[in-house]
Each structure stands twice: as structure tokens, then as C-alpha cells.
């Protein structure tokens, strides 16, 4: 295997996440905008890399941003076959009486899961959120347990949910960073249902209500996600946009008006698209090389990456990276699919700025008796002279 020639090829193929700070001095980028918000985060969606943040992990009331989790759990259950889009949901008195923003569903009537999802995402219906939570888990409390389990699974370490609506509760909180993580999961895992977040209005019970995300009207590159407001939380927004193949997720907590949350979010998106660029070069599971294997049923194993690799950098920096690849010495069968067998390192001016494990893309079983004996002899002499 010619590692040197592969390394030269790899520097053109494999993308890496590099922290913007690594390039700040040379790039002389302008400082990020200072927003009139309690906390905010700008995330590059393909990698989850944070480009801009201020108090991003501060625990704050999320208001109706909570409904991102409510809708996410519902779509998870749909994909798992546990509920169906057309399943009828009987509206309880508890759901009907829930205050705040409403879809205006009527007690005792039946509404489909799909219509409730639209009422949650587009109209921000608290009544729809409670009705769907009760349908999935039996009660709001049981659904809150599901929400917290899902938050843990996603790594949302600064979130705790007490209800599916976001109505105020001292123990109900999240953070800008956690909401960006949740938005990223919604976007990547279920594009079909994510399309609902771009709809500008929904008509139900002879009432047409607009989506409260003003950026859907102001910026054609914005395609979701959700707004929220309570007196306690202020005006909040999670929004996402795509330009030139790069998707950004912007989250703001605690602005002072509907207009302000849209304007402050737009500042984040404008900054990110103006000064950063993202490109996905290589997908997980794609063969990058073949490594030699001793004592195996075959004498080579395919090597690749466990995750898609993308690059988000200040504009103009991609060409300055150099990559190299090394394999673990003396790979001996058996090798299981997914075993770490090497590493890719990417450098900027001789400084390693990112590394990623190379894994076996398939398994190699132990070879027969004579193959193992022969390779043992070869390894003995190889050790003597190396």
C-alpha cells in the first residue's frame, strides 16, 4: 500500500471540522454580531459545529420551542410504526382546555395525527400538543418522561421538560445549544416531516393561522423551524436556512419582540453565510484504502470512516489543509466490522487540527491453519528486521 500517494489524494477528498478560532488571526474575520438576546447559537448543520455562540448552554425557559421535541417524538413514533399519520386522536377535555396558542380543536372530536402535527408545528397549538402527547403516552406526565429520555439520547444536557407545550414551569428549561442539536436531528433524520416546518399557514376549523416564523416570508433560503413566546421566556426562535449547499441553524432566546427575534436571527444567518463555507467531501462507509491483514481468510480489509466528514471554514481556507493517513501496525485477524484500524490526521502548518478514526468496513475471519502458521513465520522474521 502506498500511504504517501494516498495521503496526497486524501487531502483533496476528506473534509474536516476546524474551529473558526484556528484561523481567526490569519483570516481577520470581523467579530460576530452582538445580538439583543439572552443567548444564541449559530450551528453548521452537517457537522454540528458551533460557529457563533453567546451563553449557548444557559438554561432558559424555551416557551413553544418545546414543541420541537413534541413533534420530534411524534415523528419518531410514526417512523417506528407505533402510530400512523391517519390514526384518529380523540380530543380530551384536558387538551381542549389548555390555554395559550391554539389549533382550536374541539373536545370529544377526533383529529388525525397528521393534522395535529400541522397544528403543532405551524399554528403552535398547545391544545394539539397535549392531545398528541396523550395519544402517544397516555398523559402529559408520561410524555414528559419520554421527552427527557429523548433529550438524554440526543445529548441535550441542559434541557428538562415538564410538559409538551412549553407553558411555564420552574423545572422546564432548555438552552440555545440544545435546541440547535434538536433542530439538527429533526432536519437530518426525517426530511419528509421537516417539510411541514416550511409551510406558511394551516387551515383548521374554519380558521387560517400563519406560521409565526417571519423569516419564511423575508428570506427564501429559510425553510423552518419554530418560534416561541411567553412573558417569562421572551421571544425565541429556531430557524434554519440553506445557501450554496451549506445549511445553518440559528437559535435565539429572550429577544423583546416578534420583529426582534426575526431580525436578530437574520443577523446570525447573514454572518454565517457571508464568512464561512461548508463542503461535504466524503460519506461514511466509503472505501478510502485497503490495509494488509495477517492470519486472515483474506489478506486485506477495506478502510473507511464511521461518519460523514464535512468541512466548515472561514472562506478561502480549504486549500491550506494537508492530510495524511496511517494504519495500525500488524492487523491480525479476526477483525470485526467497525474495528478501528487506523487514523486520518489533518494539519494546518504542521499543527494537527483534526483527527478521525479509520474503521474496518467489513470483517475478516481468521484464516486456515496453514495460513496462520505461514503468517506467524513471516511475522517472526518481519519483527527481527523491523
Protein backbone atom coordinates (compact mmCIF):
# COMPACT_ATOMS: atom_id res chain seq x y z
CA UNK A 1 0.00 0.00 0.00
CA UNK A 2 1.36 3.41 -0.96
CA UNK A 3 0.44 5.52 2.04
CA UNK A 4 2.19 8.62 0.74
CA UNK A 5 0.29 8.74 -2.52
CA UNK A 6 -2.97 8.06 -0.71
CA UNK A 7 -2.29 10.88 1.73
CA UNK A 8 -1.85 13.28 -1.15
CA UNK A 9 -5.14 12.14 -2.62
CA UNK A 10 -6.87 12.25 0.76
CA UNK A 11 -6.12 15.91 1.34
CA UNK A 12 -8.37 16.65 -1.62
CA UNK A 13 -11.13 14.25 -0.62
CA UNK A 14 -11.60 14.19 3.12
CA UNK A 15 -13.30 17.19 4.80
CA UNK A 16 -12.76 18.13 8.43
CA UNK A 17 -14.39 20.35 11.01
CA UNK A 18 -11.99 23.08 12.03
CA UNK A 19 -12.79 25.52 14.78
CA UNK A 20 -13.05 29.06 13.42
CA UNK A 21 -10.63 30.24 16.10
CA UNK A 22 -7.85 28.29 14.41
CA UNK A 23 -7.98 30.71 11.52
CA UNK A 24 -9.11 33.94 13.17
CA UNK A 25 -5.74 35.69 13.21
CA UNK A 26 -4.91 34.96 9.59
CA UNK A 27 -8.39 35.40 8.18
CA UNK A 28 -9.02 38.66 10.07
CA UNK A 29 -12.71 37.94 10.14
CA UNK A 30 -15.00 40.59 11.59
CA UNK A 31 -16.33 39.85 15.03
CA UNK A 32 -19.68 38.05 15.18
CA UNK A 33 -22.73 40.25 15.64
CA UNK A 34 -23.74 41.03 19.20
CA UNK A 35 -27.43 40.24 19.42
CA UNK A 36 -30.12 41.75 21.62
CA UNK A 37 -30.93 38.34 23.09
CA UNK A 38 -30.26 36.44 26.31
CA UNK A 39 -28.50 33.63 24.49
CA UNK A 40 -27.87 32.49 20.93
CA UNK A 41 -26.10 29.90 18.83
CA UNK A 42 -25.21 29.51 15.18
CA UNK A 43 -24.55 25.89 14.16
CA UNK A 44 -23.33 24.38 10.91
CA UNK A 45 -25.83 21.59 10.38
CA UNK A 46 -23.84 18.87 8.63
CA UNK A 47 -21.30 18.60 11.46
CA UNK A 48 -22.94 20.23 14.46
CA UNK A 49 -20.00 22.63 14.71
CA UNK A 50 -20.78 25.86 16.56
CA UNK A 51 -19.72 28.93 14.60
CA UNK A 52 -21.08 31.62 16.93
CA UNK A 53 -22.45 31.43 20.45
CA UNK A 54 -23.23 33.57 23.45
CA UNK A 55 -24.47 31.91 26.64
CA UNK A 56 -25.31 28.93 24.47
CA UNK A 57 -25.56 26.50 27.38
CA UNK A 58 -27.52 28.78 29.69
CA UNK A 59 -30.70 27.11 30.95
CA UNK A 60 -33.69 29.25 29.99
CA UNK A 61 -37.44 28.76 29.52
CA UNK A 62 -37.94 27.64 25.90
CA UNK A 63 -41.63 28.53 25.55
CA UNK A 64 -43.10 26.95 22.41
CA UNK A 65 -39.69 25.84 21.16
CA UNK A 66 -40.62 22.90 23.39
CA UNK A 67 -42.94 21.75 20.62
CA UNK A 68 -39.91 20.83 18.51
CA UNK A 69 -39.40 17.95 20.94
CA UNK A 70 -43.11 17.11 20.96
CA UNK A 71 -43.20 16.91 17.18
CA UNK A 72 -39.87 15.05 17.03
CA UNK A 73 -41.13 12.29 19.31
CA UNK A 74 -44.35 12.01 17.30
CA UNK A 75 -42.46 11.62 14.02
CA UNK A 76 -40.13 9.08 15.64
CA UNK A 77 -43.18 7.02 16.60
CA UNK A 78 -44.56 7.33 13.08
CA UNK A 79 -41.31 6.07 11.56
CA UNK A 80 -41.20 3.19 14.03
CA UNK A 81 -44.74 2.19 13.15
CA UNK A 82 -46.08 2.81 16.65
CA UNK A 83 -48.61 5.39 15.45
CA UNK A 84 -49.92 6.21 11.98
CA UNK A 85 -50.35 9.50 10.17
CA UNK A 86 -54.08 8.86 9.76
CA UNK A 87 -54.74 7.49 13.23
CA UNK A 88 -57.70 9.28 14.84
CA UNK A 89 -56.96 11.05 18.11
CA UNK A 90 -59.86 11.77 20.44
CA UNK A 91 -59.56 15.25 21.92
CA UNK A 92 -59.77 15.17 25.72
CA UNK A 93 -61.21 17.94 27.85
CA UNK A 94 -57.72 18.45 29.27
CA UNK A 95 -56.33 19.12 25.79
CA UNK A 96 -59.28 21.32 24.83
CA UNK A 97 -58.92 23.46 27.95
CA UNK A 98 -55.17 24.06 27.56
CA UNK A 99 -54.54 27.79 27.35
CA UNK A 100 -52.21 29.84 25.19
CA UNK A 101 -51.85 29.49 21.44
CA UNK A 102 -54.37 27.06 20.00
CA UNK A 103 -55.28 24.97 16.98
CA UNK A 104 -58.94 25.22 18.08
CA UNK A 105 -59.70 21.51 18.21
CA UNK A 106 -62.99 20.57 19.89
CA UNK A 107 -63.44 18.31 22.89
CA UNK A 108 -64.70 14.85 22.04
CA UNK A 109 -63.92 15.12 18.33
CA UNK A 110 -61.33 13.03 16.51
CA UNK A 111 -58.39 14.62 14.72
CA UNK A 112 -55.74 12.76 12.72
CA UNK A 113 -52.15 12.54 13.90
CA UNK A 114 -51.09 14.34 10.73
CA UNK A 115 -53.44 17.28 11.31
CA UNK A 116 -52.29 17.57 14.91
CA UNK A 117 -48.66 17.66 13.75
CA UNK A 118 -49.51 20.52 11.41
CA UNK A 119 -51.35 22.28 14.22
CA UNK A 120 -48.33 21.93 16.49
CA UNK A 121 -45.66 22.94 14.01
CA UNK A 122 -47.42 25.68 12.04
CA UNK A 123 -50.06 27.04 14.45
CA UNK A 124 -48.10 26.26 17.66
CA UNK A 125 -51.26 24.77 19.15
CA UNK A 126 -50.98 23.95 22.84
CA UNK A 127 -54.24 22.01 22.58
CA UNK A 128 -52.85 19.95 19.70
CA UNK A 129 -49.64 19.30 21.63
CA UNK A 130 -51.50 17.94 24.64
CA UNK A 131 -53.85 15.84 22.52
CA UNK A 132 -50.96 14.20 20.66
CA UNK A 133 -48.94 13.72 23.85
CA UNK A 134 -51.90 11.96 25.49
CA UNK A 135 -52.39 9.80 22.41
CA UNK A 136 -48.74 8.70 22.42
CA UNK A 137 -48.09 8.29 26.16
CA UNK A 138 -51.47 8.38 27.91
CA UNK A 139 -50.77 11.54 29.88
CA UNK A 140 -48.70 14.71 29.79
CA UNK A 141 -46.54 13.47 32.66
CA UNK A 142 -45.73 10.20 30.90
CA UNK A 143 -44.99 12.10 27.70
CA UNK A 144 -42.65 14.44 29.61
CA UNK A 145 -40.72 11.37 30.71
CA UNK A 146 -40.37 10.41 27.04
CA UNK A 147 -39.21 13.93 26.24
CA UNK A 148 -36.49 13.81 28.88
CA UNK A 149 -35.33 10.35 27.79
CA UNK A 150 -35.12 11.55 24.20
CA UNK A 151 -33.23 14.68 25.26
CA UNK A 152 -30.68 12.47 27.03
CA UNK A 153 -30.34 10.27 23.95
CA UNK A 154 -29.62 13.35 21.82
CA UNK A 155 -27.08 14.74 24.28
CA UNK A 156 -29.24 17.72 25.28
CA UNK A 157 -27.56 18.09 28.66
CA UNK A 158 -29.15 21.42 29.61
CA UNK A 159 -32.77 20.53 28.96
CA UNK A 160 -35.57 19.27 31.17
CA UNK A 161 -39.21 19.12 30.11
CA UNK A 162 -42.34 19.11 32.25
CA UNK A 163 -44.98 19.36 29.52
CA UNK A 164 -45.38 19.12 25.72
CA UNK A 165 -46.33 22.78 25.25
CA UNK A 166 -43.68 24.98 26.86
CA UNK A 167 -46.13 26.62 29.25
CA UNK A 168 -44.14 28.00 32.20
CA UNK A 169 -42.85 25.67 34.89
CA UNK A 170 -39.78 26.30 37.09
CA UNK A 171 -38.39 22.87 36.19
CA UNK A 172 -38.98 23.27 32.45
CA UNK A 173 -35.92 24.62 30.64
CA UNK A 174 -33.60 24.20 27.69
CA UNK A 175 -30.69 26.05 26.05
CA UNK A 176 -29.87 27.55 22.69
CA UNK A 177 -27.27 24.87 22.06
CA UNK A 178 -29.64 22.05 22.96
CA UNK A 179 -32.33 23.42 20.68
CA UNK A 180 -29.83 23.56 17.82
CA UNK A 181 -28.98 19.91 18.49
CA UNK A 182 -32.68 19.01 18.39
CA UNK A 183 -33.25 21.00 15.20
CA UNK A 184 -30.33 19.22 13.56
CA UNK A 185 -31.86 15.85 14.43
CA UNK A 186 -35.24 16.90 13.04
CA UNK A 187 -33.69 18.08 9.77
CA UNK A 188 -31.38 15.12 9.18
CA UNK A 189 -33.45 12.22 10.40
CA UNK A 190 -36.80 12.91 8.77
CA UNK A 191 -36.75 15.22 5.73
CA UNK A 192 -40.34 14.33 4.83
CA UNK A 193 -41.78 15.65 8.08
CA UNK A 194 -39.29 18.50 8.20
CA UNK A 195 -41.05 19.89 5.12
CA UNK A 196 -44.01 20.82 7.37
CA UNK A 197 -41.86 23.46 9.07
CA UNK A 198 -41.65 25.49 5.85
CA UNK A 199 -45.43 25.77 5.40
CA UNK A 200 -46.57 29.34 5.87
CA UNK A 201 -50.12 28.66 7.05
CA UNK A 202 -52.56 25.96 8.12
CA UNK A 203 -56.34 25.99 7.88
CA UNK A 204 -58.35 24.16 10.57
CA UNK A 205 -61.86 24.53 11.99
CA UNK A 206 -62.54 27.34 9.50
CA UNK A 207 -59.61 29.28 10.94
CA UNK A 208 -56.48 30.03 8.92
CA UNK A 209 -53.42 30.72 11.05
CA UNK A 210 -49.99 31.82 9.75
CA UNK A 211 -46.67 30.36 10.69
CA UNK A 212 -45.08 32.78 13.16
CA UNK A 213 -41.61 32.40 11.63
CA UNK A 214 -41.42 35.74 9.80
CA UNK A 215 -38.24 34.70 8.01
CA UNK A 216 -40.25 32.29 5.85
CA UNK A 217 -41.61 35.41 4.14
CA UNK A 218 -38.43 37.51 4.24
CA UNK A 219 -35.71 35.03 3.26
CA UNK A 220 -36.39 32.40 0.60
CA UNK A 221 -33.46 30.29 1.85
CA UNK A 222 -35.15 29.76 5.25
CA UNK A 223 -37.18 26.55 5.48
CA UNK A 224 -38.06 26.18 9.22
CA UNK A 225 -38.27 25.66 12.21
CA UNK A 226 -40.22 27.17 15.18
CA UNK A 227 -40.93 30.25 17.28
CA UNK A 228 -41.88 30.62 20.92
CA UNK A 229 -43.05 33.28 23.33
CA UNK A 230 -44.11 33.64 26.94
CA UNK A 231 -43.70 36.58 29.30
CA UNK A 232 -41.07 34.55 31.14
CA UNK A 233 -39.11 33.41 28.08
CA UNK A 234 -39.42 36.46 25.87
CA UNK A 235 -39.44 35.92 22.12
CA UNK A 236 -37.45 32.90 20.92
CA UNK A 237 -36.74 31.32 17.56
CA UNK A 238 -35.04 28.33 15.99
CA UNK A 239 -34.51 28.81 12.28
CA UNK A 240 -32.59 27.08 9.50
CA UNK A 241 -31.54 28.08 6.00
CA UNK A 242 -29.56 26.64 3.10
CA UNK A 243 -27.37 28.59 0.70
CA UNK A 244 -24.90 27.17 -1.81
CA UNK A 245 -25.18 23.72 -0.25
CA UNK A 246 -24.45 24.89 3.30
CA UNK A 247 -27.14 24.62 5.98
CA UNK A 248 -27.01 26.74 9.11
CA UNK A 249 -29.17 26.56 12.22
CA UNK A 250 -29.69 29.76 14.22
CA UNK A 251 -31.22 29.83 17.71
CA UNK A 252 -32.07 32.92 19.73
CA UNK A 253 -33.56 33.03 23.23
CA UNK A 254 -35.05 36.02 25.02
CA UNK A 255 -35.48 38.82 22.49
CA UNK A 256 -38.03 41.55 23.21
CA UNK A 257 -40.46 41.29 20.27
CA UNK A 258 -41.61 39.21 17.34
CA UNK A 259 -39.82 41.57 14.96
CA UNK A 260 -36.64 41.50 17.05
CA UNK A 261 -36.33 37.72 17.14
CA UNK A 262 -36.59 37.63 13.35
CA UNK A 263 -34.09 40.44 12.87
CA UNK A 264 -31.57 39.02 15.35
CA UNK A 265 -31.84 35.56 13.79
CA UNK A 266 -31.26 37.09 10.36
CA UNK A 267 -28.06 38.71 11.62
CA UNK A 268 -26.68 35.31 12.66
CA UNK A 269 -27.57 33.67 9.36
CA UNK A 270 -26.15 36.55 7.32
CA UNK A 271 -22.86 36.44 9.22
CA UNK A 272 -22.50 32.68 8.86
CA UNK A 273 -23.21 32.57 5.15
CA UNK A 274 -21.02 35.59 4.44
CA UNK A 275 -17.87 34.45 6.21
CA UNK A 276 -17.96 30.61 6.26
CA UNK A 277 -18.17 27.87 3.71
CA UNK A 278 -19.02 24.19 4.07
CA UNK A 279 -18.42 21.28 1.78
CA UNK A 280 -19.07 17.59 2.32
CA UNK A 281 -16.39 15.62 0.55
CA UNK A 282 -16.73 12.06 1.78
CA UNK A 283 -19.54 9.94 3.15
CA UNK A 284 -19.39 7.33 5.87
CA UNK A 285 -18.83 3.79 4.71
CA UNK A 286 -16.95 4.74 1.56
CA UNK A 287 -13.71 2.85 0.97
CA UNK A 288 -10.63 5.05 1.36
CA UNK A 289 -7.96 2.36 1.32
CA UNK A 290 -7.21 -1.30 1.89
CA UNK A 291 -4.99 -2.35 4.77
CA UNK A 292 -2.93 -5.59 4.91
CA UNK A 293 -4.19 -8.27 7.31
CA UNK A 294 -2.18 -11.12 8.84
CA UNK A 295 -3.56 -14.60 9.57
CA UNK A 296 -6.87 -13.84 7.87
CA UNK A 297 -9.14 -15.61 5.42
CA UNK A 298 -8.32 -12.65 3.15
CA UNK A 299 -5.14 -10.62 3.19
CA UNK A 300 -6.71 -7.14 3.09
CA UNK A 301 -9.51 -5.20 4.76
CA UNK A 302 -11.31 -2.13 3.44
CA UNK A 303 -10.81 1.02 5.50
CA UNK A 304 -13.21 3.95 5.69
CA UNK A 305 -14.84 6.43 8.04
CA UNK A 306 -17.64 5.93 10.54
CA UNK A 307 -19.21 9.35 9.95
CA UNK A 308 -19.65 11.71 7.06
CA UNK A 309 -16.83 14.22 7.03
CA UNK A 310 -17.58 17.84 6.23
CA UNK A 311 -15.50 20.96 6.27
CA UNK A 312 -16.67 24.30 7.61
CA UNK A 313 -14.04 27.01 7.45
CA UNK A 314 -13.64 30.73 7.03
CA UNK A 315 -13.85 31.31 3.32
CA UNK A 316 -10.65 30.68 1.37
CA UNK A 317 -9.04 28.30 3.86
CA UNK A 318 -9.78 24.88 2.34
CA UNK A 319 -6.67 24.86 0.16
CA UNK A 320 -4.34 25.30 3.14
CA UNK A 321 -5.05 21.91 4.72
CA UNK A 322 -2.92 18.79 4.29
CA UNK A 323 -3.99 15.27 5.30
CA UNK A 324 -2.22 12.01 5.96
CA UNK A 325 -3.33 8.50 6.83
CA UNK A 326 -1.73 5.80 8.94
CA UNK A 327 -2.80 2.22 9.56
CA UNK A 328 -2.35 0.34 12.81
CA UNK A 329 0.72 -1.91 12.52
CA UNK A 330 0.23 -5.64 12.11
CA UNK A 331 -3.51 -6.03 11.80
CA UNK A 332 -4.19 -9.63 12.78
CA UNK A 333 -7.42 -11.49 12.08
CA UNK A 334 -10.09 -11.85 13.22
CA UNK A 335 -11.16 -8.25 12.55
CA UNK A 336 -14.74 -7.19 13.15
CA UNK A 337 -16.62 -4.71 11.04
CA UNK A 338 -16.30 -1.31 12.72
CA UNK A 339 -12.98 -2.03 14.45
CA UNK A 340 -10.62 0.96 14.50
CA UNK A 341 -7.70 0.11 12.23
CA UNK A 342 -6.06 3.47 11.56
CA UNK A 343 -6.32 7.22 11.68
CA UNK A 344 -6.56 10.25 9.42
CA UNK A 345 -4.86 13.43 10.56
CA UNK A 346 -5.32 16.85 9.01
CA UNK A 347 -2.76 19.56 9.59
CA UNK A 348 -2.50 23.28 9.14
CA UNK A 349 1.11 24.49 9.19
CA UNK A 350 2.30 21.25 10.85
CA UNK A 351 -0.35 21.52 13.57
CA UNK A 352 -2.93 18.72 13.79
CA UNK A 353 -6.31 20.41 13.68
CA UNK A 354 -8.44 17.30 13.32
CA UNK A 355 -8.15 13.54 13.51
CA UNK A 356 -10.65 10.80 12.67
CA UNK A 357 -10.58 7.04 13.13
CA UNK A 358 -10.42 4.74 10.15
CA UNK A 359 -12.58 1.67 10.68
CA UNK A 360 -12.89 -1.73 9.04
CA UNK A 361 -15.76 -1.57 6.58
CA UNK A 362 -16.16 -5.33 6.66
CA UNK A 363 -15.00 -8.22 8.81
CA UNK A 364 -12.07 -10.56 8.18
CA UNK A 365 -12.34 -14.03 9.65
CA UNK A 366 -9.39 -15.99 10.91
CA UNK A 367 -7.61 -17.90 8.17
CA UNK A 368 -6.99 -21.61 7.98
CA UNK A 369 -4.29 -23.47 9.90
CA UNK A 370 -1.60 -23.28 7.25
CA UNK A 371 -2.28 -19.59 6.58
CA UNK A 372 -1.94 -18.77 10.28
CA UNK A 373 1.29 -20.78 10.60
CA UNK A 374 2.79 -19.21 7.49
CA UNK A 375 1.93 -15.69 8.61
CA UNK A 376 3.31 -16.41 12.09
CA UNK A 377 6.64 -17.32 10.50
CA UNK A 378 6.57 -14.20 8.32
CA UNK A 379 5.74 -12.02 11.31
CA UNK A 380 8.64 -13.54 13.27
CA UNK A 381 11.18 -12.58 10.63
CA UNK A 382 9.44 -9.26 10.00
CA UNK A 383 9.96 -8.47 13.68
CA UNK A 384 13.63 -9.38 13.53
CA UNK A 385 14.38 -7.00 10.70
CA UNK A 386 11.97 -4.18 11.64
